[in-house]
PDB file of N, CA and C in Angstrom:
ATOM      1  N   UNK A   1     120.562  98.350 129.158  1.00  0.00           N
ATOM      2  CA  UNK A   1     119.695  97.730 127.705  1.00  0.00           C
ATOM      3  C   UNK A   1     121.274  98.118 126.131  1.00  0.00           C
ATOM      4  N   UNK A   2     121.081  97.377 125.372  1.00  0.00           N
ATOM      5  CA  UNK A   2     122.233  97.676 123.731  1.00  0.00           C
ATOM      6  C   UNK A   2     121.001  97.168 123.027  1.00  0.00           C
ATOM      7  N   UNK A   3     121.421  98.179 121.870  1.00  0.00           N
ATOM      8  CA  UNK A   3     120.807  97.672 120.428  1.00  0.00           C
ATOM      9  C   UNK A   3     121.187  97.011 120.062  1.00  0.00           C
ATOM     10  N   UNK A   4     120.802  96.148 119.112  1.00  0.00           N
ATOM     11  CA  UNK A   4     121.410  94.588 118.501  1.00  0.00           C
ATOM     12  C   UNK A   4     120.708  95.236 116.876  1.00  0.00           C
ATOM     13  N   UNK A   5     120.199  95.737 116.481  1.00  0.00           N
ATOM     14  CA  UNK A   5     119.509  96.016 115.263  1.00  0.00           C
ATOM     15  C   UNK A   5     118.627  97.064 115.250  1.00  0.00           C
ATOM     16  N   UNK A   6     118.713  98.389 114.446  1.00  0.00           N
ATOM     17  CA  UNK A   6     117.911  99.339 114.166  1.00  0.00           C
ATOM     18  C   UNK A   6     117.819  99.322 112.417  1.00  0.00           C
ATOM     19  N   UNK A   7     116.661  99.795 112.040  1.00  0.00           N
ATOM     20  CA  UNK A   7     116.034  99.870 110.136  1.00  0.00           C
ATOM     21  C   UNK A   7     114.522 100.844 110.043  1.00  0.00           C
ATOM     22  N   UNK A   8     114.604 101.632 108.923  1.00  0.00           N
ATOM     23  CA  UNK A   8     113.634 102.213 108.721  1.00  0.00           C
ATOM     24  C   UNK A   8     112.951 101.419 107.435  1.00  0.00           C
ATOM     25  N   UNK A   9     111.417 101.490 107.806  1.00  0.00           N
ATOM     26  CA  UNK A   9     111.127 100.849 106.375  1.00  0.00           C
ATOM     27  C   UNK A   9     109.457 101.984 105.862  1.00  0.00           C
ATOM     28  N   UNK A  10     109.995 101.653 105.025  1.00  0.00           N
ATOM     29  CA  UNK A  10     109.043 103.001 103.815  1.00  0.00           C
ATOM     30  C   UNK A  10     108.335 101.536 102.728  1.00  0.00           C
ATOM     31  N   UNK A  11     106.966 101.624 103.525  1.00  0.00           N
ATOM     32  CA  UNK A  11     105.373 101.061 102.463  1.00  0.00           C
ATOM     33  C   UNK A  11     105.048 101.995 101.780  1.00  0.00           C
ATOM     34  N   UNK A  12     104.700 101.135 100.499  1.00  0.00           N
ATOM     35  CA  UNK A  12     103.705 102.099  99.533  1.00  0.00           C
ATOM     36  C   UNK A  12     102.247 101.595  99.550  1.00  0.00           C
ATOM     37  N   UNK A  13     101.674 101.893  99.031  1.00  0.00           N
ATOM     38  CA  UNK A  13     100.016 101.306  98.843  1.00  0.00           C
ATOM     39  C   UNK A  13      99.763 100.344  98.729  1.00  0.00           C
ATOM     40  N   UNK A  14      99.236  99.182  99.509  1.00  0.00           N
ATOM     41  CA  UNK A  14      99.181  97.651  99.176  1.00  0.00           C
ATOM     42  C   UNK A  14     100.112  96.730 100.087  1.00  0.00           C
ATOM     43  N   UNK A  15     101.371  98.246 100.717  1.00  0.00           N
ATOM     44  CA  UNK A  15     102.593  97.247 101.736  1.00  0.00           C
ATOM     45  C   UNK A  15     101.703  97.228 103.006  1.00  0.00           C
ATOM     46  N   UNK A  16     102.489  96.114 103.735  1.00  0.00           N
ATOM     47  CA  UNK A  16     102.470  95.472 104.516  1.00  0.00           C
ATOM     48  C   UNK A  16     103.332  94.778 104.640  1.00  0.00           C
ATOM     49  N   UNK A  17     103.895  94.598 106.341  1.00  0.00           N
ATOM     50  CA  UNK A  17     104.982  93.939 107.189  1.00  0.00           C
ATOM     51  C   UNK A  17     103.914  92.350 107.353  1.00  0.00           C
ATOM     52  N   UNK A  18     104.327  91.188 107.298  1.00  0.00           N
ATOM     53  CA  UNK A  18     104.184  90.130 106.938  1.00  0.00           C
ATOM     54  C   UNK A  18     103.867  89.920 108.483  1.00  0.00           C
ATOM     55  N   UNK A  19     103.469  88.977 109.448  1.00  0.00           N
ATOM     56  CA  UNK A  19     103.287  88.863 110.630  1.00  0.00           C
ATOM     57  C   UNK A  19     104.723  88.028 110.676  1.00  0.00           C
ATOM     58  N   UNK A  20     105.627  88.221 111.834  1.00  0.00           N
ATOM     59  CA  UNK A  20     106.689  87.625 112.203  1.00  0.00           C
ATOM     60  C   UNK A  20     107.436  87.880 113.456  1.00  0.00           C
ATOM     61  N   UNK A  21     108.369  87.539 113.621  1.00  0.00           N
ATOM     62  CA  UNK A  21     109.221  87.842 114.875  1.00  0.00           C
ATOM     63  C   UNK A  21     110.886  88.433 114.699  1.00  0.00           C
ATOM     64  N   UNK A  22     110.805  88.890 116.123  1.00  0.00           N
ATOM     65  CA  UNK A  22     112.590  89.250 115.705  1.00  0.00           C
ATOM     66  C   UNK A  22     113.635  88.101 116.937  1.00  0.00           C
ATOM     67  N   UNK A  23     114.135  87.316 116.595  1.00  0.00           N
ATOM     68  CA  UNK A  23     115.091  86.409 116.759  1.00  0.00           C
ATOM     69  C   UNK A  23     115.902  86.934 117.675  1.00  0.00           C
ATOM     70  N   UNK A  24     116.030  87.957 117.029  1.00  0.00           N
ATOM     71  CA  UNK A  24     117.648  88.352 118.038  1.00  0.00           C
ATOM     72  C   UNK A  24     117.772  89.647 119.089  1.00  0.00           C
ATOM     73  N   UNK A  25     116.083  89.529 119.279  1.00  0.00           N
ATOM     74  CA  UNK A  25     116.040  90.594 120.206  1.00  0.00           C
ATOM     75  C   UNK A  25     115.654  90.568 121.663  1.00  0.00           C
ATOM     76  N   UNK A  26     115.247  91.155 122.149  1.00  0.00           N
ATOM     77  CA  UNK A  26     114.063  91.080 123.534  1.00  0.00           C
ATOM     78  C   UNK A  26     113.169  91.979 123.754  1.00  0.00           C
ATOM     79  N   UNK A  27     113.652  93.076 122.773  1.00  0.00           N
ATOM     80  CA  UNK A  27     112.433  94.310 123.323  1.00  0.00           C
ATOM     81  C   UNK A  27     112.053  94.551 121.231  1.00  0.00           C
ATOM     82  N   UNK A  28     111.559  95.079 121.144  1.00  0.00           N
ATOM     83  CA  UNK A  28     111.389  95.388 119.776  1.00  0.00           C
ATOM     84  C   UNK A  28     110.704  96.923 119.308  1.00  0.00           C
ATOM     85  N   UNK A  29     110.415  97.736 118.637  1.00  0.00           N
ATOM     86  CA  UNK A  29     109.948  99.238 118.831  1.00  0.00           C
ATOM     87  C   UNK A  29     109.363  99.490 117.182  1.00  0.00           C
ATOM     88  N   UNK A  30     108.324  99.824 116.731  1.00  0.00           N
ATOM     89  CA  UNK A  30     107.968 100.701 115.750  1.00  0.00           C
ATOM     90  C   UNK A  30     107.512 102.679 116.118  1.00  0.00           C
ATOM     91  N   UNK A  31     108.449 102.704 115.456  1.00  0.00           N
ATOM     92  CA  UNK A  31     108.320 104.424 116.033  1.00  0.00           C
ATOM     93  C   UNK A  31     107.718 104.834 114.171  1.00  0.00           C
ATOM     94  N   UNK A  32     106.836 105.626 114.463  1.00  0.00           N
ATOM     95  CA  UNK A  32     105.669 105.763 113.226  1.00  0.00           C
ATOM     96  C   UNK A  32     106.505 107.175 113.224  1.00  0.00           C
ATOM     97  N   UNK A  33     106.391 108.000 112.048  1.00  0.00           N
ATOM     98  CA  UNK A  33     107.108 108.985 111.668  1.00  0.00           C
ATOM     99  C   UNK A  33     106.478 109.633 110.470  1.00  0.00           C
ATOM    100  N   UNK A  34     105.656 109.181 109.963  1.00  0.00           N
ATOM    101  CA  UNK A  34     104.899 109.580 108.691  1.00  0.00           C
ATOM    102  C   UNK A  34     103.350 108.174 108.048  1.00  0.00           C
ATOM    103  N   UNK A  35     102.388 108.768 108.001  1.00  0.00           N
ATOM    104  CA  UNK A  35     101.217 107.297 107.737  1.00  0.00           C
ATOM    105  C   UNK A  35     100.666 107.887 106.839  1.00  0.00           C
ATOM    106  N   UNK A  36     100.013 107.865 106.165  1.00  0.00           N
ATOM    107  CA  UNK A  36      98.930 108.112 104.845  1.00  0.00           C
ATOM    108  C   UNK A  36      97.609 108.586 105.997  1.00  0.00           C
ATOM    109  N   UNK A  37      96.982 109.417 105.018  1.00  0.00           N
ATOM    110  CA  UNK A  37      95.822 110.026 105.791  1.00  0.00           C
ATOM    111  C   UNK A  37      94.618 108.586 106.507  1.00  0.00           C
ATOM    112  N   UNK A  38      94.884 107.522 104.778  1.00  0.00           N
ATOM    113  CA  UNK A  38      93.953 106.484 105.126  1.00  0.00           C
ATOM    114  C   UNK A  38      94.194 105.666 106.118  1.00  0.00           C
ATOM    115  N   UNK A  39      95.219 105.542 106.945  1.00  0.00           N
ATOM    116  CA  UNK A  39      95.522 105.155 108.127  1.00  0.00           C
ATOM    117  C   UNK A  39      95.070 105.945 109.528  1.00  0.00           C
ATOM    118  N   UNK A  40      95.569 106.768 109.179  1.00  0.00           N
ATOM    119  CA  UNK A  40      94.619 107.787 110.354  1.00  0.00           C
ATOM    120  C   UNK A  40      93.499 108.135 110.359  1.00  0.00           C
ATOM    121  N   UNK A  41      92.851 107.760 109.680  1.00  0.00           N
ATOM    122  CA  UNK A  41      91.543 107.923 109.289  1.00  0.00           C
ATOM    123  C   UNK A  41      90.602 106.779 109.594  1.00  0.00           C
ATOM    124  N   UNK A  42      91.126 105.321 109.087  1.00  0.00           N
ATOM    125  CA  UNK A  42      91.163 104.330 109.159  1.00  0.00           C
ATOM    126  C   UNK A  42      89.853 103.721 110.752  1.00  0.00           C
ATOM    127  N   UNK A  43      89.193 102.898 110.325  1.00  0.00           N
ATOM    128  CA  UNK A  43      88.557 102.521 111.301  1.00  0.00           C
ATOM    129  C   UNK A  43      88.833 101.261 112.726  1.00  0.00           C
ATOM    130  N   UNK A  44      88.056 100.599 113.342  1.00  0.00           N
ATOM    131  CA  UNK A  44      88.354  99.514 113.927  1.00  0.00           C
ATOM    132  C   UNK A  44      87.993  98.285 113.558  1.00  0.00           C
ATOM    133  N   UNK A  45      87.092  98.821 111.897  1.00  0.00           N
ATOM    134  CA  UNK A  45      86.456  97.695 111.060  1.00  0.00           C
ATOM    135  C   UNK A  45      87.149  97.219 110.426  1.00  0.00           C
ATOM    136  N   UNK A  46      87.916  98.842 109.156  1.00  0.00           N
ATOM    137  CA  UNK A  46      89.091  97.819 108.318  1.00  0.00           C
ATOM    138  C   UNK A  46      90.269  97.629 108.868  1.00  0.00           C
ATOM    139  N   UNK A  47      90.775  99.032 109.986  1.00  0.00           N
ATOM    140  CA  UNK A  47      92.134  98.353 110.428  1.00  0.00           C
ATOM    141  C   UNK A  47      93.515  98.772 109.563  1.00  0.00           C
ATOM    142  N   UNK A  48      92.905  99.421 108.491  1.00  0.00           N
ATOM    143  CA  UNK A  48      94.066  99.725 107.406  1.00  0.00           C
ATOM    144  C   UNK A  48      95.132 100.379 108.288  1.00  0.00           C
ATOM    145  N   UNK A  49      96.192  99.790 107.717  1.00  0.00           N
ATOM    146  CA  UNK A  49      98.140 100.269 108.492  1.00  0.00           C
ATOM    147  C   UNK A  49      98.013  99.868 109.952  1.00  0.00           C
ATOM    148  N   UNK A  50      97.170  99.447 110.765  1.00  0.00           N
ATOM    149  CA  UNK A  50      97.025  99.762 111.436  1.00  0.00           C
ATOM    150  C   UNK A  50      98.389  98.143 112.050  1.00  0.00           C
ATOM    151  N   UNK A  51      98.993  97.883 113.138  1.00  0.00           N
ATOM    152  CA  UNK A  51     100.386  97.259 113.325  1.00  0.00           C
ATOM    153  C   UNK A  51      98.883  96.319 114.552  1.00  0.00           C
ATOM    154  N   UNK A  52      99.443  94.334 114.566  1.00  0.00           N
ATOM    155  CA  UNK A  52      98.188  93.953 114.796  1.00  0.00           C
ATOM    156  C   UNK A  52      99.954  92.929 115.143  1.00  0.00           C
ATOM    157  N   UNK A  53      98.938  92.580 116.272  1.00  0.00           N
ATOM    158  CA  UNK A  53      99.871  91.450 117.364  1.00  0.00           C
ATOM    159  C   UNK A  53      99.715  89.986 118.101  1.00  0.00           C
ATOM    160  N   UNK A  54     100.156  88.902 118.182  1.00  0.00           N
ATOM    161  CA  UNK A  54      99.551  87.967 118.305  1.00  0.00           C
ATOM    162  C   UNK A  54      99.261  86.727 117.095  1.00  0.00           C
ATOM    163  N   UNK A  55      98.669  87.455 116.169  1.00  0.00           N
ATOM    164  CA  UNK A  55      98.420  86.374 114.535  1.00  0.00           C
ATOM    165  C   UNK A  55      99.856  86.095 114.337  1.00  0.00           C
ATOM    166  N   UNK A  56      99.691  84.705 113.864  1.00  0.00           N
ATOM    167  CA  UNK A  56     101.231  83.860 113.466  1.00  0.00           C
ATOM    168  C   UNK A  56     101.427  84.061 112.382  1.00  0.00           C
ATOM    169  N   UNK A  57     102.270  83.799 111.451  1.00  0.00           N
ATOM    170  CA  UNK A  57     103.292  84.003 110.208  1.00  0.00           C
ATOM    171  C   UNK A  57     101.859  83.020 109.560  1.00  0.00           C
ATOM    172  N   UNK A  58     101.177  83.697 108.319  1.00  0.00           N
ATOM    173  CA  UNK A  58     100.579  82.645 107.601  1.00  0.00           C
ATOM    174  C   UNK A  58     101.182  81.688 107.001  1.00  0.00           C
ATOM    175  N   UNK A  59     101.878  81.586 106.965  1.00  0.00           N
ATOM    176  CA  UNK A  59     102.733  80.164 106.106  1.00  0.00           C
ATOM    177  C   UNK A  59     102.131  79.164 106.975  1.00  0.00           C
ATOM    178  N   UNK A  60     102.121  79.374 108.610  1.00  0.00           N
ATOM    179  CA  UNK A  60     101.523  78.145 109.161  1.00  0.00           C
ATOM    180  C   UNK A  60     100.828  77.743 109.208  1.00  0.00           C
ATOM    181  N   UNK A  61      99.747  78.199 108.130  1.00  0.00           N
ATOM    182  CA  UNK A  61      98.402  77.760 108.205  1.00  0.00           C
ATOM    183  C   UNK A  61      96.949  78.124 109.733  1.00  0.00           C
ATOM    184  N   UNK A  62      97.691  78.506 110.680  1.00  0.00           N
ATOM    185  CA  UNK A  62      96.923  79.038 111.806  1.00  0.00           C
ATOM    186  C   UNK A  62      96.198  79.992 111.325  1.00  0.00           C
ATOM    187  N   UNK A  63      94.766  80.333 111.430  1.00  0.00           N
ATOM    188  CA  UNK A  63      94.018  81.000 110.756  1.00  0.00           C
ATOM    189  C   UNK A  63      93.300  81.442 112.473  1.00  0.00           C
ATOM    190  N   UNK A  64      93.908  82.423 113.363  1.00  0.00           N
ATOM    191  CA  UNK A  64      93.947  82.658 114.755  1.00  0.00           C
ATOM    192  C   UNK A  64      93.976  84.536 114.324  1.00  0.00           C
ATOM    193  N   UNK A  65      92.646  84.841 114.915  1.00  0.00           N
ATOM    194  CA  UNK A  65      92.978  86.419 115.089  1.00  0.00           C
ATOM    195  C   UNK A  65      94.234  87.479 116.017  1.00  0.00           C
ATOM    196  N   UNK A  66      94.461  88.946 115.682  1.00  0.00           N
ATOM    197  CA  UNK A  66      94.723  88.838 116.092  1.00  0.00           C
ATOM    198  C   UNK A  66      94.226  89.135 117.935  1.00  0.00           C
ATOM    199  N   UNK A  67      95.432  89.238 118.740  1.00  0.00           N
ATOM    200  CA  UNK A  67      95.067  89.111 120.249  1.00  0.00           C
ATOM    201  C   UNK A  67      94.599  91.204 120.534  1.00  0.00           C
ATOM    202  N   UNK A  68      95.777  91.618 119.777  1.00  0.00           N
ATOM    203  CA  UNK A  68      95.166  93.328 119.852  1.00  0.00           C
ATOM    204  C   UNK A  68      95.894  93.942 118.500  1.00  0.00           C
ATOM    205  N   UNK A  69      95.235  95.042 118.127  1.00  0.00           N
ATOM    206  CA  UNK A  69      95.498  96.032 117.375  1.00  0.00           C
ATOM    207  C   UNK A  69      95.762  97.143 117.664  1.00  0.00           C
ATOM    208  N   UNK A  70      96.227  97.853 117.207  1.00  0.00           N
ATOM    209  CA  UNK A  70      96.501  99.287 117.363  1.00  0.00           C
ATOM    210  C   UNK A  70      96.580 100.378 116.296  1.00  0.00           C
ATOM    211  N   UNK A  71      95.844 100.972 116.322  1.00  0.00           N
ATOM    212  CA  UNK A  71      96.371 102.465 115.092  1.00  0.00           C
ATOM    213  C   UNK A  71      97.544 103.269 115.525  1.00  0.00           C
ATOM    214  N   UNK A  72      98.286 103.257 114.562  1.00  0.00           N
ATOM    215  CA  UNK A  72      99.574 104.303 114.304  1.00  0.00           C
ATOM    216  C   UNK A  72      98.780 105.723 114.793  1.00  0.00           C
ATOM    217  N   UNK A  73      99.987 106.091 115.095  1.00  0.00           N
ATOM    218  CA  UNK A  73      99.898 107.643 115.261  1.00  0.00           C
ATOM    219  C   UNK A  73     101.305 108.422 114.647  1.00  0.00           C
ATOM    220  N   UNK A  74     101.673 109.491 114.112  1.00  0.00           N
ATOM    221  CA  UNK A  74     102.728 109.610 113.888  1.00  0.00           C
ATOM    222  C   UNK A  74     103.147 110.344 115.056  1.00  0.00           C
ATOM    223  N   UNK A  75     104.366 110.139 115.622  1.00  0.00           N
ATOM    224  CA  UNK A  75     105.195 110.125 116.346  1.00  0.00           C
ATOM    225  C   UNK A  75     105.031 109.508 117.982  1.00  0.00           C
ATOM    226  N   UNK A  76     104.391 108.639 118.058  1.00  0.00           N
ATOM    227  CA  UNK A  76     104.083 107.249 118.645  1.00  0.00           C
ATOM    228  C   UNK A  76     105.577 106.176 118.549  1.00  0.00           C
ATOM    229  N   UNK A  77     105.439 105.652 119.379  1.00  0.00           N
ATOM    230  CA  UNK A  77     106.869 104.706 119.347  1.00  0.00           C
ATOM    231  C   UNK A  77     105.748 103.183 120.348  1.00  0.00           C
ATOM    232  N   UNK A  78     105.779 102.807 119.421  1.00  0.00           N
ATOM    233  CA  UNK A  78     105.298 101.001 120.026  1.00  0.00           C
ATOM    234  C   UNK A  78     106.364  99.948 120.573  1.00  0.00           C
ATOM    235  N   UNK A  79     106.359  99.787 121.797  1.00  0.00           N
ATOM    236  CA  UNK A  79     107.563  98.463 122.274  1.00  0.00           C
ATOM    237  C   UNK A  79     106.602  97.309 122.628  1.00  0.00           C
ATOM    238  N   UNK A  80     107.165  96.091 122.256  1.00  0.00           N
ATOM    239  CA  UNK A  80     106.623  94.924 122.566  1.00  0.00           C
ATOM    240  C   UNK A  80     107.485  94.051 122.745  1.00  0.00           C
ATOM    241  N   UNK A  81     107.268  92.761 123.192  1.00  0.00           N
ATOM    242  CA  UNK A  81     108.293  91.615 123.228  1.00  0.00           C
ATOM    243  C   UNK A  81     108.770  91.245 121.769  1.00  0.00           C
ATOM    244  N   UNK A  82     110.022  90.680 121.692  1.00  0.00           N
ATOM    245  CA  UNK A  82     110.575  90.793 120.343  1.00  0.00           C
ATOM    246  C   UNK A  82     109.537  89.024 119.472  1.00  0.00           C
ATOM    247  N   UNK A  83     109.543  88.631 120.801  1.00  0.00           N
ATOM    248  CA  UNK A  83     108.988  87.178 120.521  1.00  0.00           C
ATOM    249  C   UNK A  83     107.649  87.239 120.226  1.00  0.00           C
ATOM    250  N   UNK A  84     106.484  88.144 120.017  1.00  0.00           N
ATOM    251  CA  UNK A  84     105.310  88.350 120.058  1.00  0.00           C
ATOM    252  C   UNK A  84     105.062  88.546 118.282  1.00  0.00           C
ATOM    253  N   UNK A  85     104.836  87.382 117.964  1.00  0.00           N
ATOM    254  CA  UNK A  85     104.045  87.863 116.777  1.00  0.00           C
ATOM    255  C   UNK A  85     103.372  88.980 115.836  1.00  0.00           C
ATOM    256  N   UNK A  86     103.662  90.001 115.058  1.00  0.00           N
ATOM    257  CA  UNK A  86     103.160  90.981 114.599  1.00  0.00           C
ATOM    258  C   UNK A  86     103.264  91.438 113.212  1.00  0.00           C
ATOM    259  N   UNK A  87     102.746  92.415 112.597  1.00  0.00           N
ATOM    260  CA  UNK A  87     102.665  92.738 111.180  1.00  0.00           C
ATOM    261  C   UNK A  87     101.378  93.677 111.358  1.00  0.00           C
ATOM    262  N   UNK A  88     101.316  94.583 109.877  1.00  0.00           N
ATOM    263  CA  UNK A  88     100.320  95.110 109.547  1.00  0.00           C
ATOM    264  C   UNK A  88      99.531  94.797 108.705  1.00  0.00           C
ATOM    265  N   UNK A  89      98.144  95.090 108.508  1.00  0.00           N
ATOM    266  CA  UNK A  89      97.289  95.274 107.980  1.00  0.00           C
ATOM    267  C   UNK A  89      97.240  96.338 106.448  1.00  0.00           C
ATOM    268  N   UNK A  90      97.134  95.475 105.777  1.00  0.00           N
ATOM    269  CA  UNK A  90      97.720  96.710 103.941  1.00  0.00           C
ATOM    270  C   UNK A  90      97.119  97.271 104.023  1.00  0.00           C
ATOM    271  N   UNK A  91      96.914  98.638 103.371  1.00  0.00           N
ATOM    272  CA  UNK A  91      96.588  99.717 103.210  1.00  0.00           C
ATOM    273  C   UNK A  91      96.401  99.856 101.922  1.00  0.00           C
ATOM    274  N   UNK A  92      95.701 101.270 101.510  1.00  0.00           N
ATOM    275  CA  UNK A  92      95.542 101.835 100.107  1.00  0.00           C
ATOM    276  C   UNK A  92      95.648 102.957 100.350  1.00  0.00           C
ATOM    277  N   UNK A  93      96.501 103.653  99.749  1.00  0.00           N
ATOM    278  CA  UNK A  93      96.972 105.348  99.616  1.00  0.00           C
ATOM    279  C   UNK A  93      97.985 105.245  98.543  1.00  0.00           C
ATOM    280  N   UNK A  94      97.751 107.165  98.411  1.00  0.00           N
ATOM    281  CA  UNK A  94      99.201 107.350  97.530  1.00  0.00           C
ATOM    282  C   UNK A  94     100.241 107.643  98.518  1.00  0.00           C
ATOM    283  N   UNK A  95      99.998 107.682  99.631  1.00  0.00           N
ATOM    284  CA  UNK A  95     101.340 108.303 100.456  1.00  0.00           C
ATOM    285  C   UNK A  95     102.037 107.407 101.120  1.00  0.00           C
ATOM    286  N   UNK A  96     102.899 107.437 101.721  1.00  0.00           N
ATOM    287  CA  UNK A  96     103.961 106.056 102.502  1.00  0.00           C
ATOM    288  C   UNK A  96     103.662 106.043 103.448  1.00  0.00           C
ATOM    289  N   UNK A  97     103.692 105.417 104.351  1.00  0.00           N
ATOM    290  CA  UNK A  97     103.584 104.940 105.680  1.00  0.00           C
ATOM    291  C   UNK A  97     105.245 104.524 105.939  1.00  0.00           C
ATOM    292  N   UNK A  98     105.926 105.390 106.915  1.00  0.00           N
ATOM    293  CA  UNK A  98     107.225 105.298 107.160  1.00  0.00           C
ATOM    294  C   UNK A  98     107.502 105.260 108.553  1.00  0.00           C
ATOM    295  N   UNK A  99     107.811 104.047 109.360  1.00  0.00           N
ATOM    296  CA  UNK A  99     108.979 104.091 110.494  1.00  0.00           C
ATOM    297  C   UNK A  99     109.477 103.243 110.612  1.00  0.00           C
ATOM    298  N   UNK A 100     110.290 103.671 111.626  1.00  0.00           N
ATOM    299  CA  UNK A 100     112.038 103.503 112.088  1.00  0.00           C
ATOM    300  C   UNK A 100     111.404 102.691 113.280  1.00  0.00           C
ATOM    301  N   UNK A 101     112.460 101.686 113.384  1.00  0.00           N
ATOM    302  CA  UNK A 101     112.352 100.398 114.435  1.00  0.00           C
ATOM    303  C   UNK A 101     113.958 100.115 115.167  1.00  0.00           C
ATOM    304  N   UNK A 102     113.663  99.477 116.212  1.00  0.00           N
ATOM    305  CA  UNK A 102     114.846  98.786 116.519  1.00  0.00           C
ATOM    306  C   UNK A 102     114.569  97.364 117.238  1.00  0.00           C
ATOM    307  N   UNK A 103     115.574  97.085 117.351  1.00  0.00           N
ATOM    308  CA  UNK A 103     115.907  95.723 119.019  1.00  0.00           C
ATOM    309  C   UNK A 103     116.687  95.881 119.448  1.00  0.00           C
ATOM    310  N   UNK A 104     116.501  95.316 121.246  1.00  0.00           N
ATOM    311  CA  UNK A 104     117.471  95.734 122.107  1.00  0.00           C
ATOM    312  C   UNK A 104     117.496  94.304 123.131  1.00  0.00           C
ATOM    313  N   UNK A 105     118.505  94.263 123.666  1.00  0.00           N
ATOM    314  CA  UNK A 105     118.736  93.365 124.816  1.00  0.00           C
ATOM    315  C   UNK A 105     119.116  93.717 125.874  1.00  0.00           C
ATOM    316  N   UNK A 106     118.790  93.084 127.178  1.00  0.00           N
ATOM    317  CA  UNK A 106     119.354  93.282 128.248  1.00  0.00           C
ATOM    318  C   UNK A 106     121.105  93.548 128.540  1.00  0.00           C
ATOM    319  N   UNK A 107     121.520  94.688 128.934  1.00  0.00           N
ATOM    320  CA  UNK A 107     123.249  94.571 129.124  1.00  0.00           C
ATOM    321  C   UNK A 107     123.584  93.294 129.985  1.00  0.00           C
ATOM    322  N   UNK A 108     124.762  92.504 129.682  1.00  0.00           N
ATOM    323  CA  UNK A 108     124.571  91.432 130.601  1.00  0.00           C
ATOM    324  C   UNK A 108     126.213  91.023 130.347  1.00  0.00           C
TER     325      UNK A 108
END
């Protein structure tokens, strides 16, 4: 495997990642460095700050539900296919949501 990109994201209250894909990657990740208490305490009804998979870009006008939604935890790493739509549910909190991420491809 080889890394084709890496970055960090600091989301403030009302922040979210719009649903998107990573066209340069084969596998993508999200490593949870720090999360607000409201994200850690949110439940399956609100899903505030959770990562969702399978829901397409809002601009496409397809009102499809996510296929899976995962509650993040500090120190956990989510790995998923780069071609899978993913984004986050908005959250409200004074503390930031901090993640590190990377994309990778097979060596070839």
